[in-house]
PDB file of N, CA and C in Angstrom:
ATOM      1  N   MET A   1    -107.652  28.501-126.508  1.00  0.00           N
ATOM      2  CA  MET A   1    -106.335  28.196-125.994  1.00  0.00           C
ATOM      3  C   MET A   1    -105.933  29.233-124.933  1.00  0.00           C
ATOM      4  N   LYS A   2    -106.181  30.534-125.234  1.00  0.00           N
ATOM      5  CA  LYS A   2    -105.830  31.574-124.276  1.00  0.00           C
ATOM      6  C   LYS A   2    -106.634  31.418-122.990  1.00  0.00           C
ATOM      7  N   LYS A   3    -107.888  31.014-123.134  1.00  0.00           N
ATOM      8  CA  LYS A   3    -108.745  30.842-121.965  1.00  0.00           C
ATOM      9  C   LYS A   3    -108.221  29.713-121.073  1.00  0.00           C
ATOM     10  N   THR A   4    -107.741  28.631-121.668  1.00  0.00           N
ATOM     11  CA  THR A   4    -107.193  27.503-120.922  1.00  0.00           C
ATOM     12  C   THR A   4    -105.940  27.918-120.175  1.00  0.00           C
ATOM     13  N   ILE A   5    -105.077  28.655-120.824  1.00  0.00           N
ATOM     14  CA  ILE A   5    -103.841  29.124-120.183  1.00  0.00           C
ATOM     15  C   ILE A   5    -104.175  30.089-119.046  1.00  0.00           C
ATOM     16  N   LEU A   6    -105.126  30.974-119.262  1.00  0.00           N
ATOM     17  CA  LEU A   6    -105.543  31.913-118.216  1.00  0.00           C
ATOM     18  C   LEU A   6    -106.123  31.175-117.018  1.00  0.00           C
ATOM     19  N   MET A   7    -106.955  30.173-117.269  1.00  0.00           N
ATOM     20  CA  MET A   7    -107.546  29.387-116.178  1.00  0.00           C
ATOM     21  C   MET A   7    -106.471  28.628-115.416  1.00  0.00           C
ATOM     22  N   ALA A   8    -105.526  28.040-116.128  1.00  0.00           N
ATOM     23  CA  ALA A   8    -104.439  27.305-115.476  1.00  0.00           C
ATOM     24  C   ALA A   8    -103.584  28.247-114.635  1.00  0.00           C
ATOM     25  N   GLY A   9    -103.309  29.437-115.158  1.00  0.00           N
ATOM     26  CA  GLY A   9    -102.544  30.427-114.408  1.00  0.00           C
ATOM     27  C   GLY A   9    -103.265  30.875-113.154  1.00  0.00           C
ATOM     28  N   ALA A  10    -104.559  31.093-113.257  1.00  0.00           N
ATOM     29  CA  ALA A  10    -105.356  31.491-112.096  1.00  0.00           C
ATOM     30  C   ALA A  10    -105.364  30.390-111.040  1.00  0.00           C
ATOM     31  N   PHE A  11    -105.485  29.156-111.465  1.00  0.00           N
ATOM     32  CA  PHE A  11    -105.468  28.021-110.538  1.00  0.00           C
ATOM     33  C   PHE A  11    -104.125  27.929-109.818  1.00  0.00           C
ATOM     34  N   LEU A  12    -103.027  28.034-110.545  1.00  0.00           N
ATOM     35  CA  LEU A  12    -101.698  27.968-109.928  1.00  0.00           C
ATOM     36  C   LEU A  12    -101.471  29.130-108.959  1.00  0.00           C
ATOM     37  N   PHE A  13    -101.943  30.306-109.327  1.00  0.00           N
ATOM     38  CA  PHE A  13    -101.820  31.459-108.432  1.00  0.00           C
ATOM     39  C   PHE A  13    -102.599  31.228-107.140  1.00  0.00           C
ATOM     40  N   ALA A  14    -103.808  30.746-107.244  1.00  0.00           N
ATOM     41  CA  ALA A  14    -104.639  30.483-106.063  1.00  0.00           C
ATOM     42  C   ALA A  14    -103.998  29.431-105.170  1.00  0.00           C
ATOM     43  N   MET A  15    -103.418  28.417-105.758  1.00  0.00           N
ATOM     44  CA  MET A  15    -102.759  27.370-104.968  1.00  0.00           C
ATOM     45  C   MET A  15    -101.519  27.904-104.265  1.00  0.00           C
ATOM     46  N   SER A  16    -100.831  28.849-104.860  1.00  0.00           N
ATOM     47  CA  SER A  16     -99.592  29.361-104.274  1.00  0.00           C
ATOM     48  C   SER A  16     -99.838  30.292-103.094  1.00  0.00           C
ATOM     49  N   ILE A  17    -101.010  30.913-103.007  1.00  0.00           N
ATOM     50  CA  ILE A  17    -101.256  31.854-101.913  1.00  0.00           C
ATOM     51  C   ILE A  17    -102.045  31.236-100.760  1.00  0.00           C
ATOM     52  N   THR A  18    -102.525  30.010-100.907  1.00  0.00           N
ATOM     53  CA  THR A  18    -103.253  29.385 -99.805  1.00  0.00           C
ATOM     54  C   THR A  18    -102.267  28.842 -98.792  1.00  0.00           C
ATOM     55  N   SER A  19    -102.656  28.850 -97.527  1.00  0.00           N
ATOM     56  CA  SER A  19    -101.778  28.350 -96.486  1.00  0.00           C
ATOM     57  C   SER A  19    -101.769  26.826 -96.497  1.00  0.00           C
ATOM     58  N   CYS A  20    -100.622  26.284 -96.176  1.00  0.00           N
ATOM     59  CA  CYS A  20    -100.448  24.839 -96.188  1.00  0.00           C
ATOM     60  C   CYS A  20    -100.828  24.272 -94.823  1.00  0.00           C
ATOM     61  N   LYS A  21    -101.820  23.417 -94.795  1.00  0.00           N
ATOM     62  CA  LYS A  21    -102.204  22.761 -93.548  1.00  0.00           C
ATOM     63  C   LYS A  21    -101.582  21.382 -93.517  1.00  0.00           C
ATOM     64  N   LYS A  22    -100.942  21.084 -92.425  1.00  0.00           N
ATOM     65  CA  LYS A  22    -100.386  19.756 -92.207  1.00  0.00           C
ATOM     66  C   LYS A  22    -100.432  19.464 -90.718  1.00  0.00           C
ATOM     67  N   ASN A  23    -100.061  18.278 -90.342  1.00  0.00           N
ATOM     68  CA  ASN A  23    -100.084  17.917 -88.934  1.00  0.00           C
ATOM     69  C   ASN A  23     -98.841  18.432 -88.227  1.00  0.00           C
ATOM     70  N   TYR A  24     -99.044  19.176 -87.163  1.00  0.00           N
ATOM     71  CA  TYR A  24     -97.963  19.648 -86.308  1.00  0.00           C
ATOM     72  C   TYR A  24     -98.161  19.028 -84.934  1.00  0.00           C
ATOM     73  N   THR A  25     -97.081  18.539 -84.346  1.00  0.00           N
ATOM     74  CA  THR A  25     -97.130  17.903 -83.034  1.00  0.00           C
ATOM     75  C   THR A  25     -96.639  18.874 -81.975  1.00  0.00           C
ATOM     76  N   CYS A  26     -97.454  19.076 -80.965  1.00  0.00           N
ATOM     77  CA  CYS A  26     -97.148  19.956 -79.839  1.00  0.00           C
ATOM     78  C   CYS A  26     -96.832  19.059 -78.637  1.00  0.00           C
ATOM     79  N   LYS A  27     -95.618  19.170 -78.114  1.00  0.00           N
ATOM     80  CA  LYS A  27     -95.216  18.354 -76.982  1.00  0.00           C
ATOM     81  C   LYS A  27     -95.046  19.256 -75.769  1.00  0.00           C
ATOM     82  N   CYS A  28     -95.684  18.862 -74.666  1.00  0.00           N
ATOM     83  CA  CYS A  28     -95.648  19.653 -73.434  1.00  0.00           C
ATOM     84  C   CYS A  28     -94.908  18.899 -72.343  1.00  0.00           C
ATOM     85  N   SER A  29     -94.148  19.634 -71.548  1.00  0.00           N
ATOM     86  CA  SER A  29     -93.468  19.050 -70.395  1.00  0.00           C
ATOM     87  C   SER A  29     -93.868  19.823 -69.148  1.00  0.00           C
ATOM     88  N   LYS A  30     -93.881  19.111 -68.033  1.00  0.00           N
ATOM     89  CA  LYS A  30     -94.285  19.684 -66.747  1.00  0.00           C
ATOM     90  C   LYS A  30     -93.055  19.733 -65.858  1.00  0.00           C
ATOM     91  N   THR A  31     -92.726  20.934 -65.369  1.00  0.00           N
ATOM     92  CA  THR A  31     -91.547  21.123 -64.539  1.00  0.00           C
ATOM     93  C   THR A  31     -91.967  21.558 -63.144  1.00  0.00           C
ATOM     94  N   TYR A  32     -91.630  20.724 -62.163  1.00  0.00           N
ATOM     95  CA  TYR A  32     -91.888  21.056 -60.755  1.00  0.00           C
ATOM     96  C   TYR A  32     -90.652  21.741 -60.183  1.00  0.00           C
ATOM     97  N   THR A  33     -90.869  22.792 -59.430  1.00  0.00           N
ATOM     98  CA  THR A  33     -89.774  23.454 -58.726  1.00  0.00           C
ATOM     99  C   THR A  33     -90.056  23.395 -57.230  1.00  0.00           C
ATOM    100  N   SER A  34     -89.036  23.081 -56.486  1.00  0.00           N
ATOM    101  CA  SER A  34     -89.179  23.023 -55.032  1.00  0.00           C
ATOM    102  C   SER A  34     -87.856  23.444 -54.409  1.00  0.00           C
ATOM    103  N   GLY A  35     -87.812  23.475 -53.105  1.00  0.00           N
ATOM    104  CA  GLY A  35     -86.590  23.850 -52.404  1.00  0.00           C
ATOM    105  C   GLY A  35     -85.467  22.860 -52.608  1.00  0.00           C
ATOM    106  N   THR A  36     -85.800  21.625 -53.014  1.00  0.00           N
ATOM    107  CA  THR A  36     -84.776  20.601 -53.196  1.00  0.00           C
ATOM    108  C   THR A  36     -84.300  20.464 -54.638  1.00  0.00           C
ATOM    109  N   GLY A  37     -84.917  21.175 -55.572  1.00  0.00           N
ATOM    110  CA  GLY A  37     -84.467  21.091 -56.952  1.00  0.00           C
ATOM    111  C   GLY A  37     -85.591  21.215 -57.960  1.00  0.00           C
ATOM    112  N   VAL A  38     -85.270  20.784 -59.180  1.00  0.00           N
ATOM    113  CA  VAL A  38     -86.194  20.886 -60.302  1.00  0.00           C
ATOM    114  C   VAL A  38     -86.391  19.486 -60.889  1.00  0.00           C
ATOM    115  N   SER A  39     -87.646  19.161 -61.215  1.00  0.00           N
ATOM    116  CA  SER A  39     -87.976  17.875 -61.803  1.00  0.00           C
ATOM    117  C   SER A  39     -88.858  18.108 -63.030  1.00  0.00           C
ATOM    118  N   THR A  40     -88.446  17.556 -64.187  1.00  0.00           N
ATOM    119  CA  THR A  40     -89.201  17.736 -65.427  1.00  0.00           C
ATOM    120  C   THR A  40     -89.620  16.373 -65.976  1.00  0.00           C
ATOM    121  N   LYS A  41     -90.881  16.289 -66.442  1.00  0.00           N
ATOM    122  CA  LYS A  41     -91.361  15.063 -67.072  1.00  0.00           C
ATOM    123  C   LYS A  41     -92.287  15.425 -68.230  1.00  0.00           C
ATOM    124  N   ASP A  42     -92.460  14.482 -69.156  1.00  0.00           N
ATOM    125  CA  ASP A  42     -93.391  14.684 -70.263  1.00  0.00           C
ATOM    126  C   ASP A  42     -94.792  14.792 -69.701  1.00  0.00           C
ATOM    127  N   ASN A  43     -95.591  15.684 -70.274  1.00  0.00           N
ATOM    128  CA  ASN A  43     -96.937  15.901 -69.759  1.00  0.00           C
ATOM    129  C   ASN A  43     -98.012  15.506 -70.766  1.00  0.00           C
ATOM    130  N   ALA A  44     -97.934  16.017 -72.002  1.00  0.00           N
ATOM    131  CA  ALA A  44     -98.979  15.751 -72.999  1.00  0.00           C
ATOM    132  C   ALA A  44     -98.427  15.975 -74.402  1.00  0.00           C
ATOM    133  N   VAL A  45     -99.100  15.353 -75.368  1.00  0.00           N
ATOM    134  CA  VAL A  45     -98.767  15.547 -76.781  1.00  0.00           C
ATOM    135  C   VAL A  45    -100.080  15.822 -77.513  1.00  0.00           C
ATOM    136  N   TYR A  46    -100.092  16.881 -78.307  1.00  0.00           N
ATOM    137  CA  TYR A  46    -101.271  17.268 -79.087  1.00  0.00           C
ATOM    138  C   TYR A  46    -100.882  17.332 -80.552  1.00  0.00           C
ATOM    139  N   THR A  47    -101.829  17.016 -81.431  1.00  0.00           N
ATOM    140  CA  THR A  47    -101.599  17.136 -82.867  1.00  0.00           C
ATOM    141  C   THR A  47    -102.615  18.118 -83.434  1.00  0.00           C
ATOM    142  N   TYR A  48    -102.102  19.094 -84.183  1.00  0.00           N
ATOM    143  CA  TYR A  48    -102.958  20.108 -84.800  1.00  0.00           C
ATOM    144  C   TYR A  48    -102.785  20.062 -86.308  1.00  0.00           C
ATOM    145  N   LYS A  49    -103.892  20.011 -87.033  1.00  0.00           N
ATOM    146  CA  LYS A  49    -103.835  20.081 -88.501  1.00  0.00           C
ATOM    147  C   LYS A  49    -104.172  21.511 -88.866  1.00  0.00           C
ATOM    148  N   GLU A  50    -103.138  22.317 -88.955  1.00  0.00           N
ATOM    149  CA  GLU A  50    -103.250  23.771 -89.156  1.00  0.00           C
ATOM    150  C   GLU A  50    -102.048  24.236 -89.977  1.00  0.00           C
ATOM    151  N   ASN A  51    -102.010  25.531 -90.244  1.00  0.00           N
ATOM    152  CA  ASN A  51    -100.776  26.084 -90.767  1.00  0.00           C
ATOM    153  C   ASN A  51     -99.847  26.303 -89.570  1.00  0.00           C
ATOM    154  N   ARG A  52     -98.580  26.578 -89.799  1.00  0.00           N
ATOM    155  CA  ARG A  52     -97.582  26.636 -88.721  1.00  0.00           C
ATOM    156  C   ARG A  52     -97.924  27.711 -87.691  1.00  0.00           C
ATOM    157  N   ALA A  53     -98.303  28.883 -88.116  1.00  0.00           N
ATOM    158  CA  ALA A  53     -98.577  29.976 -87.184  1.00  0.00           C
ATOM    159  C   ALA A  53     -99.737  29.639 -86.249  1.00  0.00           C
ATOM    160  N   THR A  54    -100.800  29.071 -86.784  1.00  0.00           N
ATOM    161  CA  THR A  54    -101.953  28.706 -85.956  1.00  0.00           C
ATOM    162  C   THR A  54    -101.590  27.571 -85.004  1.00  0.00           C
ATOM    163  N   ALA A  55    -100.826  26.598 -85.473  1.00  0.00           N
ATOM    164  CA  ALA A  55    -100.392  25.497 -84.614  1.00  0.00           C
ATOM    165  C   ALA A  55     -99.522  26.014 -83.474  1.00  0.00           C
ATOM    166  N   ASP A  56     -98.617  26.958 -83.765  1.00  0.00           N
ATOM    167  CA  ASP A  56     -97.797  27.557 -82.714  1.00  0.00           C
ATOM    168  C   ASP A  56     -98.654  28.237 -81.657  1.00  0.00           C
ATOM    169  N   ASN A  57     -99.644  28.993 -82.093  1.00  0.00           N
ATOM    170  CA  ASN A  57    -100.535  29.685 -81.148  1.00  0.00           C
ATOM    171  C   ASN A  57    -101.338  28.705 -80.304  1.00  0.00           C
ATOM    172  N   ARG A  58    -101.886  27.676 -80.938  1.00  0.00           N
ATOM    173  CA  ARG A  58    -102.683  26.695 -80.186  1.00  0.00           C
ATOM    174  C   ARG A  58    -101.809  25.926 -79.202  1.00  0.00           C
ATOM    175  N   CYS A  59    -100.590  25.646 -79.598  1.00  0.00           N
ATOM    176  CA  CYS A  59     -99.655  24.943 -78.707  1.00  0.00           C
ATOM    177  C   CYS A  59     -99.342  25.824 -77.494  1.00  0.00           C
ATOM    178  N   ALA A  60     -99.081  27.100 -77.714  1.00  0.00           N
ATOM    179  CA  ALA A  60     -98.742  28.023 -76.628  1.00  0.00           C
ATOM    180  C   ALA A  60     -99.901  28.192 -75.649  1.00  0.00           C
ATOM    181  N   GLU A  61    -101.131  28.000 -76.095  1.00  0.00           N
ATOM    182  CA  GLU A  61    -102.292  28.116 -75.207  1.00  0.00           C
ATOM    183  C   GLU A  61    -102.305  27.041 -74.122  1.00  0.00           C
ATOM    184  N   ASN A  62    -101.531  25.964 -74.299  1.00  0.00           N
ATOM    185  CA  ASN A  62    -101.476  24.892 -73.306  1.00  0.00           C
ATOM    186  C   ASN A  62    -100.510  25.199 -72.173  1.00  0.00           C
ATOM    187  N   GLU A  63     -99.720  26.246 -72.309  1.00  0.00           N
ATOM    188  CA  GLU A  63     -98.739  26.589 -71.283  1.00  0.00           C
ATOM    189  C   GLU A  63     -99.414  27.240 -70.083  1.00  0.00           C
ATOM    190  N   THR A  64     -98.955  26.873 -68.887  1.00  0.00           N
ATOM    191  CA  THR A  64     -99.550  27.413 -67.675  1.00  0.00           C
ATOM    192  C   THR A  64     -98.577  27.275 -66.502  1.00  0.00           C
ATOM    193  N   THR A  65     -98.877  27.970 -65.438  1.00  0.00           N
ATOM    194  CA  THR A  65     -98.173  27.850 -64.170  1.00  0.00           C
ATOM    195  C   THR A  65     -99.221  27.676 -63.086  1.00  0.00           C
ATOM    196  N   ALA A  66     -99.022  26.684 -62.221  1.00  0.00           N
ATOM    197  CA  ALA A  66    -100.001  26.415 -61.166  1.00  0.00           C
ATOM    198  C   ALA A  66     -99.338  25.572 -60.084  1.00  0.00           C
ATOM    199  N   SER A  67    -100.159  25.004 -59.222  1.00  0.00           N
ATOM    200  CA  SER A  67     -99.653  24.095 -58.188  1.00  0.00           C
ATOM    201  C   SER A  67    -100.663  22.983 -57.951  1.00  0.00           C
ATOM    202  N   ASP A  68    -100.149  21.845 -57.482  1.00  0.00           N
ATOM    203  CA  ASP A  68    -100.991  20.723 -57.108  1.00  0.00           C
ATOM    204  C   ASP A  68    -100.333  20.036 -55.916  1.00  0.00           C
ATOM    205  N   LEU A  69    -100.705  18.802 -55.633  1.00  0.00           N
ATOM    206  CA  LEU A  69    -100.146  18.100 -54.479  1.00  0.00           C
ATOM    207  C   LEU A  69     -98.629  17.910 -54.594  1.00  0.00           C
ATOM    208  N   GLY A  70     -98.121  17.914 -55.826  1.00  0.00           N
ATOM    209  CA  GLY A  70     -96.677  17.760 -56.035  1.00  0.00           C
ATOM    210  C   GLY A  70     -95.902  19.039 -55.838  1.00  0.00           C
ATOM    211  N   GLY A  71     -96.579  20.164 -55.768  1.00  0.00           N
ATOM    212  CA  GLY A  71     -95.923  21.456 -55.580  1.00  0.00           C
ATOM    213  C   GLY A  71     -96.224  22.401 -56.731  1.00  0.00           C
ATOM    214  N   ASN A  72     -95.425  23.447 -56.842  1.00  0.00           N
ATOM    215  CA  ASN A  72     -95.574  24.422 -57.929  1.00  0.00           C
ATOM    216  C   ASN A  72     -94.999  23.832 -59.218  1.00  0.00           C
ATOM    217  N   TYR A  73     -95.693  24.107 -60.327  1.00  0.00           N
ATOM    218  CA  TYR A  73     -95.203  23.592 -61.609  1.00  0.00           C
ATOM    219  C   TYR A  73     -95.460  24.587 -62.733  1.00  0.00           C
ATOM    220  N   THR A  74     -94.727  24.373 -63.805  1.00  0.00           N
ATOM    221  CA  THR A  74     -94.889  25.131 -65.042  1.00  0.00           C
ATOM    222  C   THR A  74     -94.994  24.136 -66.175  1.00  0.00           C
ATOM    223  N   ILE A  75     -95.961  24.344 -67.065  1.00  0.00           N
ATOM    224  CA  ILE A  75     -96.086  23.511 -68.268  1.00  0.00           C
ATOM    225  C   ILE A  75     -95.603  24.327 -69.458  1.00  0.00           C
ATOM    226  N   ASN A  76     -94.593  23.823 -70.150  1.00  0.00           N
ATOM    227  CA  ASN A  76     -94.034  24.446 -71.341  1.00  0.00           C
ATOM    228  C   ASN A  76     -94.324  23.558 -72.544  1.00  0.00           C
ATOM    229  N   CYS A  77     -94.723  24.172 -73.653  1.00  0.00           N
ATOM    230  CA  CYS A  77     -95.084  23.406 -74.849  1.00  0.00           C
ATOM    231  C   CYS A  77     -94.366  23.974 -76.071  1.00  0.00           C
ATOM    232  N   ASP A  78     -93.950  23.075 -76.961  1.00  0.00           N
ATOM    233  CA  ASP A  78     -93.280  23.455 -78.205  1.00  0.00           C
ATOM    234  C   ASP A  78     -93.706  22.529 -79.319  1.00  0.00           C
ATOM    235  N   ILE A  79     -93.703  23.063 -80.542  1.00  0.00           N
ATOM    236  CA  ILE A  79     -93.931  22.269 -81.748  1.00  0.00           C
ATOM    237  C   ILE A  79     -92.640  21.491 -82.016  1.00  0.00           C
ATOM    238  N   VAL A  80     -92.770  20.186 -82.211  1.00  0.00           N
ATOM    239  CA  VAL A  80     -91.615  19.352 -82.521  1.00  0.00           C
ATOM    240  C   VAL A  80     -91.735  18.838 -83.955  1.00  0.00           C
ATOM    241  N   ASP A  81     -90.625  18.577 -84.567  1.00  0.00           N
ATOM    242  CA  ASP A  81     -90.616  18.084 -85.948  1.00  0.00           C
ATOM    243  C   ASP A  81     -90.719  16.592 -86.017  1.00  0.00           C
TER     244      ASP A  81
END
């Protein structure tokens, strides 16, 4: 009986310290800046099955600043609920 209780306690302890992985959605928007103003549009959506901290880091890796034929732009990404 004591062995069963000890095993159950060890199992519950192990479950409580493991990180919870679930799907987190990362939504990115692209903002163009020019002399005439600012224009923002949706750019991409990514789904990460990670814990929250890892999903935040992977989402932030998609952020960048560059230019193309449309002009200078910035891509900003955030985890959405």
